[in-house]
Amino acid sequence: MPDWNTRLAVSYQDGTTTVVIQPIDSFSPSFALNAEVLHSLEQTHIGVIYSPQAISFTMTVKAIGPVVAQLTALAMQGKEFNIVLQESDGGTDWSFQQIVLSKCVITSATPTNATIAGAPAATFSGFSLQASATPKGGATITIGQH
């Protein structure tokens, strides 16, 4: 049975200090690596047109503790941050050593209703200007702004 030894955190620089915000309950990245086939009147599939890459994400956190307040403050300040997903010490079941979305900005924050049962949550959506992935046994791959 796989043991997913990974952790997800948001980090940002506050002066010379790196601040880490966790736990994150769920995270859904989307990488739009746009390529369109080029046709002509004489022939089909003669080339490819590449569009700029787009990296967006949605993450959900429980509205208990300081995490929602910290993410809301980042959103309101328009402050850039990184989302880091990395293998914990001793992890062996994941394909990557680390995935990082860099220079992220939150574009919307949506809290859920408070109910009697269960903790409320907040969903944050945004985009990233750069993403990098380091697979096990391979070189780091980077897309976006360099």
Protein backbone atom coordinates (compact mmCIF):
# COMPACT_ATOMS: atom_id res chain seq x y z
CA MET A 1 0.00 0.00 0.00
CA PRO A 2 1.51 3.38 -0.99
CA ASP A 3 2.39 5.81 1.77
CA TRP A 4 2.14 9.32 0.31
CA ASN A 5 4.87 11.05 2.25
CA THR A 6 4.38 14.52 0.84
CA ARG A 7 3.56 17.88 2.29
CA LEU A 8 2.06 20.99 0.79
CA ALA A 9 2.89 24.46 2.05
CA VAL A 10 2.79 28.09 1.01
CA SER A 11 5.94 30.09 1.66
CA TYR A 12 6.77 33.76 1.24
CA GLN A 13 9.56 36.13 2.15
CA ASP A 14 8.97 38.64 4.94
CA GLY A 15 12.16 40.66 4.86
CA THR A 16 14.91 38.08 5.29
CA THR A 17 12.63 35.49 6.94
CA THR A 18 10.87 32.70 5.04
CA VAL A 19 7.34 32.27 6.41
CA VAL A 20 5.68 28.86 5.86
CA ILE A 21 1.88 28.54 5.95
CA GLN A 22 0.38 25.06 6.39
CA PRO A 23 -1.66 22.85 6.41
CA ILE A 24 -3.34 23.04 3.02
CA ASP A 25 -6.29 20.59 2.68
CA SER A 26 -6.47 20.33 -1.10
CA PHE A 27 -4.57 21.73 -4.04
CA SER A 28 -5.50 21.60 -7.74
CA PRO A 29 -2.97 23.03 -10.20
CA SER A 30 -3.69 23.53 -13.89
CA PHE A 31 -0.97 23.82 -16.52
CA ALA A 32 -2.17 25.12 -19.90
CA LEU A 33 0.65 24.23 -22.26
CA ASN A 34 -1.04 25.63 -25.33
CA ALA A 35 -0.15 24.35 -28.77
CA GLU A 36 -2.36 24.53 -31.83
CA VAL A 37 -1.90 22.70 -35.11
CA LEU A 38 -1.31 24.89 -38.19
CA HIS A 39 -3.18 24.07 -41.41
CA SER A 40 -3.19 25.68 -44.84
CA LEU A 41 -5.46 25.43 -47.87
CA GLU A 42 -3.01 23.09 -49.57
CA GLN A 43 -2.08 20.80 -46.70
CA THR A 44 -3.05 19.93 -43.13
CA HIS A 45 -0.78 19.62 -40.12
CA ILE A 46 2.08 21.68 -41.54
CA GLY A 47 3.25 23.11 -38.24
CA VAL A 48 2.42 24.19 -34.73
CA ILE A 49 1.63 27.54 -33.11
CA TYR A 50 2.61 27.86 -29.47
CA SER A 51 0.70 30.19 -27.16
CA PRO A 52 1.97 31.45 -23.81
CA GLN A 53 1.78 28.91 -21.01
CA ALA A 54 -0.65 29.54 -18.17
CA ILE A 55 -0.39 28.15 -14.66
CA SER A 56 -3.34 28.47 -12.31
CA PHE A 57 -4.35 26.83 -9.04
CA THR A 58 -7.10 26.39 -6.49
CA MET A 59 -6.43 25.46 -2.88
CA THR A 60 -8.72 24.85 0.06
CA VAL A 61 -7.90 25.28 3.73
CA LYS A 62 -9.95 24.80 6.88
CA ALA A 63 -10.91 28.11 8.47
CA ILE A 64 -9.43 27.21 11.85
CA GLY A 65 -6.16 28.58 13.12
CA PRO A 66 -4.19 31.34 11.39
CA VAL A 67 -3.91 29.81 7.87
CA VAL A 68 -6.97 31.49 6.29
CA ALA A 69 -6.05 34.85 7.80
CA GLN A 70 -2.48 34.58 6.48
CA LEU A 71 -3.62 33.66 2.96
CA THR A 72 -6.27 36.40 2.99
CA ALA A 73 -3.61 38.93 4.00
CA LEU A 74 -1.39 37.76 1.11
CA ALA A 75 -4.35 38.17 -1.26
CA MET A 76 -5.27 41.64 -0.01
CA GLN A 77 -1.65 42.82 -0.20
CA GLY A 78 -1.16 41.33 -3.67
CA LYS A 79 1.99 39.73 -2.28
CA GLU A 80 3.74 37.05 -4.34
CA PHE A 81 4.41 33.69 -2.71
CA ASN A 82 5.48 30.14 -3.56
CA ILE A 83 3.52 26.92 -3.28
CA VAL A 84 5.82 24.02 -2.47
CA LEU A 85 4.87 20.35 -2.69
CA GLN A 86 7.73 18.13 -1.68
CA GLU A 87 8.46 14.67 -0.51
CA SER A 88 8.86 14.30 3.23
CA ASP A 89 11.94 12.72 4.71
CA GLY A 90 11.98 9.00 3.97
CA GLY A 91 9.26 9.15 1.30
CA THR A 92 9.65 6.68 -1.56
CA ASP A 93 6.24 6.43 -3.24
CA TRP A 94 6.02 9.73 -5.08
CA SER A 95 7.37 10.41 -8.59
CA PHE A 96 8.78 13.84 -7.76
CA GLN A 97 11.27 15.16 -5.26
CA GLN A 98 9.64 18.58 -5.40
CA ILE A 99 7.15 20.73 -7.32
CA VAL A 100 7.20 24.50 -6.86
CA LEU A 101 4.80 27.12 -8.18
CA SER A 102 6.72 30.41 -7.92
CA LYS A 103 5.56 34.01 -7.92
CA CYS A 104 1.95 33.08 -7.15
CA VAL A 105 -0.79 35.67 -6.72
CA ILE A 106 -4.26 35.02 -5.27
CA THR A 107 -7.07 36.35 -7.47
CA SER A 108 -10.09 35.25 -5.43
CA ALA A 109 -10.97 33.96 -1.98
CA THR A 110 -14.26 32.20 -1.25
CA PRO A 111 -15.15 31.15 2.30
CA THR A 112 -17.83 28.53 2.90
CA ASN A 113 -20.77 29.00 5.22
CA ALA A 114 -20.22 28.25 8.89
CA THR A 115 -22.31 25.28 9.99
CA ILE A 116 -22.96 23.47 13.24
CA ALA A 117 -21.12 20.34 12.10
CA GLY A 118 -17.62 20.43 10.67
CA ALA A 119 -15.14 23.24 10.23
CA PRO A 120 -15.75 25.92 7.62
CA ALA A 121 -13.25 26.15 4.77
CA ALA A 122 -11.96 28.81 2.40
CA THR A 123 -11.00 28.30 -1.23
CA PHE A 124 -8.30 30.46 -2.78
CA SER A 125 -7.71 30.70 -6.54
CA GLY A 126 -4.84 32.33 -8.37
CA PHE A 127 -2.07 32.03 -10.89
CA SER A 128 1.65 31.42 -10.93
CA LEU A 129 4.26 33.03 -13.16
CA GLN A 130 6.61 30.04 -13.00
CA ALA A 131 6.51 26.35 -12.17
CA SER A 132 9.30 23.83 -11.72
CA ALA A 133 9.29 20.11 -11.08
CA THR A 134 12.15 17.88 -10.01
CA PRO A 135 11.41 14.23 -10.83
CA LYS A 136 13.28 11.49 -9.03
CA GLY A 137 16.48 10.75 -10.90
CA GLY A 138 16.00 13.60 -13.36
CA ALA A 139 16.81 17.22 -14.00
CA THR A 140 14.52 20.06 -12.89
CA ILE A 141 12.01 21.16 -15.54
CA THR A 142 10.83 24.79 -15.51
CA ILE A 143 8.04 26.56 -17.38
CA GLY A 144 6.95 30.17 -17.31
CA GLN A 145 8.89 33.30 -16.46
CA HIS A 146 12.64 32.76 -16.03
